[in-house]
């Protein structure tokens, strides 16, 4: 994870993860970059005020 302009950015493509699943809890807003997201993962991230980005940046 890295901090950019006060936001936490997690790019899981850099560690070989293709899809983010919705298991677990999100306690803070963050931007997550992945190739794919499950429906529940996307919902949880957005409910916490986060952002999902599909693809590599």
PDB file of N, CA and C in Angstrom:
ATOM      1  N   UNK A   1       0.844  -1.185   0.000  1.00  0.00           N
ATOM      2  CA  UNK A   1       0.000   0.000   0.000  1.00  0.00           C
ATOM      3  C   UNK A   1       0.881   1.237   0.000  1.00  0.00           C
ATOM      4  N   UNK A   2       0.356   2.281  -0.565  1.00  0.00           N
ATOM      5  CA  UNK A   2       1.086   3.541  -0.576  1.00  0.00           C
ATOM      6  C   UNK A   2       0.121   4.682  -0.275  1.00  0.00           C
ATOM      7  N   UNK A   3       0.654   5.778   0.168  1.00  0.00           N
ATOM      8  CA  UNK A   3      -0.134   6.971   0.437  1.00  0.00           C
ATOM      9  C   UNK A   3       0.093   7.956  -0.698  1.00  0.00           C
ATOM     10  N   UNK A   4      -0.995   8.479  -1.231  1.00  0.00           N
ATOM     11  CA  UNK A   4      -0.891   9.465  -2.300  1.00  0.00           C
ATOM     12  C   UNK A   4      -2.004  10.480  -2.109  1.00  0.00           C
ATOM     13  N   UNK A   5      -1.623  11.725  -1.907  1.00  0.00           N
ATOM     14  CA  UNK A   5      -2.590  12.798  -1.696  1.00  0.00           C
ATOM     15  C   UNK A   5      -3.547  12.470  -0.554  1.00  0.00           C
ATOM     16  N   UNK A   6      -3.032  11.888   0.519  1.00  0.00           N
ATOM     17  CA  UNK A   6      -3.837  11.570   1.689  1.00  0.00           C
ATOM     18  C   UNK A   6      -4.704  10.329   1.569  1.00  0.00           C
ATOM     19  N   UNK A   7      -4.602   9.606   0.473  1.00  0.00           N
ATOM     20  CA  UNK A   7      -5.392   8.389   0.280  1.00  0.00           C
ATOM     21  C   UNK A   7      -4.488   7.170   0.341  1.00  0.00           C
ATOM     22  N   UNK A   8      -5.026   6.085   0.893  1.00  0.00           N
ATOM     23  CA  UNK A   8      -4.322   4.810   0.866  1.00  0.00           C
ATOM     24  C   UNK A   8      -4.672   4.125  -0.446  1.00  0.00           C
ATOM     25  N   UNK A   9      -3.645   3.726  -1.190  1.00  0.00           N
ATOM     26  CA  UNK A   9      -3.850   3.054  -2.469  1.00  0.00           C
ATOM     27  C   UNK A   9      -3.212   1.671  -2.396  1.00  0.00           C
ATOM     28  N   UNK A  10      -4.020   0.650  -2.679  1.00  0.00           N
ATOM     29  CA  UNK A  10      -3.550  -0.730  -2.647  1.00  0.00           C
ATOM     30  C   UNK A  10      -3.687  -1.304  -4.053  1.00  0.00           C
ATOM     31  N   UNK A  11      -2.562  -1.654  -4.662  1.00  0.00           N
ATOM     32  CA  UNK A  11      -2.559  -2.247  -6.001  1.00  0.00           C
ATOM     33  C   UNK A  11      -2.198  -3.724  -5.856  1.00  0.00           C
ATOM     34  N   UNK A  12      -3.233  -4.572  -5.812  1.00  0.00           N
ATOM     35  CA  UNK A  12      -2.995  -6.001  -5.594  1.00  0.00           C
ATOM     36  C   UNK A  12      -2.460  -6.700  -6.841  1.00  0.00           C
ATOM     37  N   UNK A  13      -2.510  -6.044  -7.993  1.00  0.00           N
ATOM     38  CA  UNK A  13      -1.946  -6.645  -9.207  1.00  0.00           C
ATOM     39  C   UNK A  13      -0.432  -6.775  -9.086  1.00  0.00           C
ATOM     40  N   UNK A  14       0.193  -5.938  -8.282  1.00  0.00           N
ATOM     41  CA  UNK A  14       1.648  -5.976  -8.108  1.00  0.00           C
ATOM     42  C   UNK A  14       2.115  -7.214  -7.352  1.00  0.00           C
ATOM     43  N   UNK A  15       1.199  -7.840  -6.609  1.00  0.00           N
ATOM     44  CA  UNK A  15       1.576  -9.037  -5.847  1.00  0.00           C
ATOM     45  C   UNK A  15       0.915 -10.300  -6.411  1.00  0.00           C
ATOM     46  N   UNK A  16       0.411 -10.198  -7.633  1.00  0.00           N
ATOM     47  CA  UNK A  16      -0.111 -11.374  -8.321  1.00  0.00           C
ATOM     48  C   UNK A  16      -1.539 -11.760  -7.997  1.00  0.00           C
ATOM     49  N   UNK A  17      -2.295 -10.887  -7.361  1.00  0.00           N
ATOM     50  CA  UNK A  17      -3.696 -11.191  -7.058  1.00  0.00           C
ATOM     51  C   UNK A  17      -4.561 -10.667  -8.195  1.00  0.00           C
ATOM     52  N   UNK A  18      -5.409 -11.534  -8.745  1.00  0.00           N
ATOM     53  CA  UNK A  18      -6.261 -11.144  -9.865  1.00  0.00           C
ATOM     54  C   UNK A  18      -7.634 -10.653  -9.428  1.00  0.00           C
ATOM     55  N   UNK A  19      -8.165 -11.220  -8.336  1.00  0.00           N
ATOM     56  CA  UNK A  19      -9.526 -10.883  -7.929  1.00  0.00           C
ATOM     57  C   UNK A  19      -9.589 -10.635  -6.429  1.00  0.00           C
ATOM     58  N   UNK A  20     -10.263  -9.551  -6.047  1.00  0.00           N
ATOM     59  CA  UNK A  20     -10.473  -9.226  -4.636  1.00  0.00           C
ATOM     60  C   UNK A  20     -11.837  -9.777  -4.245  1.00  0.00           C
ATOM     61  N   UNK A  21     -11.865 -10.554  -3.157  1.00  0.00           N
ATOM     62  CA  UNK A  21     -13.105 -11.150  -2.668  1.00  0.00           C
ATOM     63  C   UNK A  21     -13.634 -10.353  -1.482  1.00  0.00           C
ATOM     64  N   UNK A  22     -14.895 -10.544  -1.159  1.00  0.00           N
ATOM     65  CA  UNK A  22     -15.547  -9.750  -0.129  1.00  0.00           C
ATOM     66  C   UNK A  22     -15.513 -10.319   1.268  1.00  0.00           C
ATOM     67  N   UNK A  23     -14.566 -11.176   1.575  1.00  0.00           N
ATOM     68  CA  UNK A  23     -14.444 -11.697   2.938  1.00  0.00           C
ATOM     69  C   UNK A  23     -13.714 -10.668   3.783  1.00  0.00           C
ATOM     70  N   UNK A  24     -14.111 -10.509   5.008  1.00  0.00           N
ATOM     71  CA  UNK A  24     -13.415  -9.570   5.883  1.00  0.00           C
ATOM     72  C   UNK A  24     -14.147  -8.247   6.011  1.00  0.00           C
ATOM     73  N   UNK A  25     -13.522  -7.341   6.757  1.00  0.00           N
ATOM     74  CA  UNK A  25     -14.131  -6.052   7.062  1.00  0.00           C
ATOM     75  C   UNK A  25     -13.232  -4.923   6.574  1.00  0.00           C
ATOM     76  N   UNK A  26     -13.853  -3.849   6.148  1.00  0.00           N
ATOM     77  CA  UNK A  26     -13.138  -2.647   5.728  1.00  0.00           C
ATOM     78  C   UNK A  26     -13.460  -1.567   6.754  1.00  0.00           C
ATOM     79  N   UNK A  27     -12.434  -1.024   7.396  1.00  0.00           N
ATOM     80  CA  UNK A  27     -12.675  -0.029   8.437  1.00  0.00           C
ATOM     81  C   UNK A  27     -12.312   1.391   8.019  1.00  0.00           C
ATOM     82  N   UNK A  28     -11.707   1.542   6.831  1.00  0.00           N
ATOM     83  CA  UNK A  28     -11.371   2.894   6.380  1.00  0.00           C
ATOM     84  C   UNK A  28     -11.419   2.972   4.859  1.00  0.00           C
ATOM     85  N   UNK A  29     -11.501   4.183   4.395  1.00  0.00           N
ATOM     86  CA  UNK A  29     -11.569   4.429   2.964  1.00  0.00           C
ATOM     87  C   UNK A  29     -10.219   4.165   2.312  1.00  0.00           C
ATOM     88  N   UNK A  30     -10.241   3.502   1.165  1.00  0.00           N
ATOM     89  CA  UNK A  30      -9.014   3.260   0.410  1.00  0.00           C
ATOM     90  C   UNK A  30      -9.364   3.022  -1.051  1.00  0.00           C
ATOM     91  N   UNK A  31      -8.388   3.192  -1.897  1.00  0.00           N
ATOM     92  CA  UNK A  31      -8.541   2.879  -3.314  1.00  0.00           C
ATOM     93  C   UNK A  31      -7.841   1.553  -3.553  1.00  0.00           C
ATOM     94  N   UNK A  32      -8.553   0.602  -4.153  1.00  0.00           N
ATOM     95  CA  UNK A  32      -7.982  -0.712  -4.429  1.00  0.00           C
ATOM     96  C   UNK A  32      -7.969  -0.923  -5.940  1.00  0.00           C
ATOM     97  N   UNK A  33      -6.814  -1.333  -6.439  1.00  0.00           N
ATOM     98  CA  UNK A  33      -6.642  -1.600  -7.865  1.00  0.00           C
ATOM     99  C   UNK A  33      -6.477  -3.108  -8.043  1.00  0.00           C
ATOM    100  N   UNK A  34      -7.333  -3.704  -8.871  1.00  0.00           N
ATOM    101  CA  UNK A  34      -7.278  -5.145  -9.138  1.00  0.00           C
ATOM    102  C   UNK A  34      -7.856  -5.406 -10.519  1.00  0.00           C
ATOM    103  N   UNK A  35      -7.607  -6.588 -11.037  1.00  0.00           N
ATOM    104  CA  UNK A  35      -8.179  -6.949 -12.337  1.00  0.00           C
ATOM    105  C   UNK A  35      -9.679  -7.195 -12.217  1.00  0.00           C
ATOM    106  N   UNK A  36     -10.116  -7.799 -11.103  1.00  0.00           N
ATOM    107  CA  UNK A  36     -11.530  -8.107 -10.885  1.00  0.00           C
ATOM    108  C   UNK A  36     -11.881  -7.969  -9.413  1.00  0.00           C
ATOM    109  N   UNK A  37     -13.166  -7.718  -9.148  1.00  0.00           N
ATOM    110  CA  UNK A  37     -13.698  -7.635  -7.791  1.00  0.00           C
ATOM    111  C   UNK A  37     -14.971  -8.462  -7.726  1.00  0.00           C
ATOM    112  N   UNK A  38     -15.173  -9.161  -6.609  1.00  0.00           N
ATOM    113  CA  UNK A  38     -16.466  -9.808  -6.414  1.00  0.00           C
ATOM    114  C   UNK A  38     -17.475  -8.701  -6.107  1.00  0.00           C
ATOM    115  N   UNK A  39     -18.736  -9.013  -6.283  1.00  0.00           N
ATOM    116  CA  UNK A  39     -19.792  -8.032  -6.020  1.00  0.00           C
ATOM    117  C   UNK A  39     -19.727  -7.549  -4.576  1.00  0.00           C
ATOM    118  N   UNK A  40     -19.546  -8.482  -3.627  1.00  0.00           N
ATOM    119  CA  UNK A  40     -19.524  -8.096  -2.213  1.00  0.00           C
ATOM    120  C   UNK A  40     -18.287  -7.269  -1.868  1.00  0.00           C
ATOM    121  N   UNK A  41     -17.153  -7.543  -2.502  1.00  0.00           N
ATOM    122  CA  UNK A  41     -15.945  -6.749  -2.250  1.00  0.00           C
ATOM    123  C   UNK A  41     -16.155  -5.316  -2.716  1.00  0.00           C
ATOM    124  N   UNK A  42     -16.710  -5.171  -3.890  1.00  0.00           N
ATOM    125  CA  UNK A  42     -16.972  -3.830  -4.427  1.00  0.00           C
ATOM    126  C   UNK A  42     -17.934  -3.070  -3.516  1.00  0.00           C
ATOM    127  N   UNK A  43     -18.998  -3.732  -3.074  1.00  0.00           N
ATOM    128  CA  UNK A  43     -19.978  -3.093  -2.194  1.00  0.00           C
ATOM    129  C   UNK A  43     -19.343  -2.658  -0.875  1.00  0.00           C
ATOM    130  N   UNK A  44     -18.544  -3.530  -0.261  1.00  0.00           N
ATOM    131  CA  UNK A  44     -17.912  -3.200   1.019  1.00  0.00           C
ATOM    132  C   UNK A  44     -16.944  -2.030   0.893  1.00  0.00           C
ATOM    133  N   UNK A  45     -16.150  -2.035  -0.152  1.00  0.00           N
ATOM    134  CA  UNK A  45     -15.202  -0.938  -0.357  1.00  0.00           C
ATOM    135  C   UNK A  45     -15.927   0.388  -0.569  1.00  0.00           C
ATOM    136  N   UNK A  46     -16.968   0.374  -1.382  1.00  0.00           N
ATOM    137  CA  UNK A  46     -17.709   1.603  -1.655  1.00  0.00           C
ATOM    138  C   UNK A  46     -18.487   2.080  -0.433  1.00  0.00           C
ATOM    139  N   UNK A  47     -19.032   1.159   0.369  1.00  0.00           N
ATOM    140  CA  UNK A  47     -19.739   1.534   1.599  1.00  0.00           C
ATOM    141  C   UNK A  47     -18.809   2.210   2.599  1.00  0.00           C
ATOM    142  N   UNK A  48     -17.531   1.829   2.590  1.00  0.00           N
ATOM    143  CA  UNK A  48     -16.547   2.423   3.495  1.00  0.00           C
ATOM    144  C   UNK A  48     -16.003   3.743   2.941  1.00  0.00           C
ATOM    145  N   UNK A  49     -16.544   4.181   1.800  1.00  0.00           N
ATOM    146  CA  UNK A  49     -16.085   5.427   1.204  1.00  0.00           C
ATOM    147  C   UNK A  49     -14.893   5.247   0.291  1.00  0.00           C
ATOM    148  N   UNK A  50     -14.596   3.998  -0.038  1.00  0.00           N
ATOM    149  CA  UNK A  50     -13.446   3.699  -0.881  1.00  0.00           C
ATOM    150  C   UNK A  50     -13.785   3.711  -2.356  1.00  0.00           C
ATOM    151  N   UNK A  51     -12.810   3.306  -3.124  1.00  0.00           N
ATOM    152  CA  UNK A  51     -12.920   3.343  -4.580  1.00  0.00           C
ATOM    153  C   UNK A  51     -12.312   2.067  -5.149  1.00  0.00           C
ATOM    154  N   UNK A  52     -12.941   1.525  -6.180  1.00  0.00           N
ATOM    155  CA  UNK A  52     -12.385   0.355  -6.856  1.00  0.00           C
ATOM    156  C   UNK A  52     -11.973   0.750  -8.265  1.00  0.00           C
ATOM    157  N   UNK A  53     -10.827   0.244  -8.684  1.00  0.00           N
ATOM    158  CA  UNK A  53     -10.331   0.509 -10.028  1.00  0.00           C
ATOM    159  C   UNK A  53      -9.964  -0.819 -10.662  1.00  0.00           C
ATOM    160  N   UNK A  54     -10.504  -1.073 -11.837  1.00  0.00           N
ATOM    161  CA  UNK A  54     -10.221  -2.308 -12.551  1.00  0.00           C
ATOM    162  C   UNK A  54      -9.094  -2.072 -13.542  1.00  0.00           C
ATOM    163  N   UNK A  55      -8.120  -2.964 -13.526  1.00  0.00           N
ATOM    164  CA  UNK A  55      -6.996  -2.853 -14.439  1.00  0.00           C
ATOM    165  C   UNK A  55      -5.730  -2.472 -13.716  1.00  0.00           C
ATOM    166  N   UNK A  56      -4.678  -2.250 -14.478  1.00  0.00           N
ATOM    167  CA  UNK A  56      -3.384  -1.892 -13.905  1.00  0.00           C
ATOM    168  C   UNK A  56      -3.129  -0.414 -14.122  1.00  0.00           C
ATOM    169  N   UNK A  57      -2.559   0.221 -13.118  1.00  0.00           N
ATOM    170  CA  UNK A  57      -2.259   1.654 -13.194  1.00  0.00           C
ATOM    171  C   UNK A  57      -0.783   1.861 -13.032  1.00  0.00           C
TER     172      UNK A  57
END
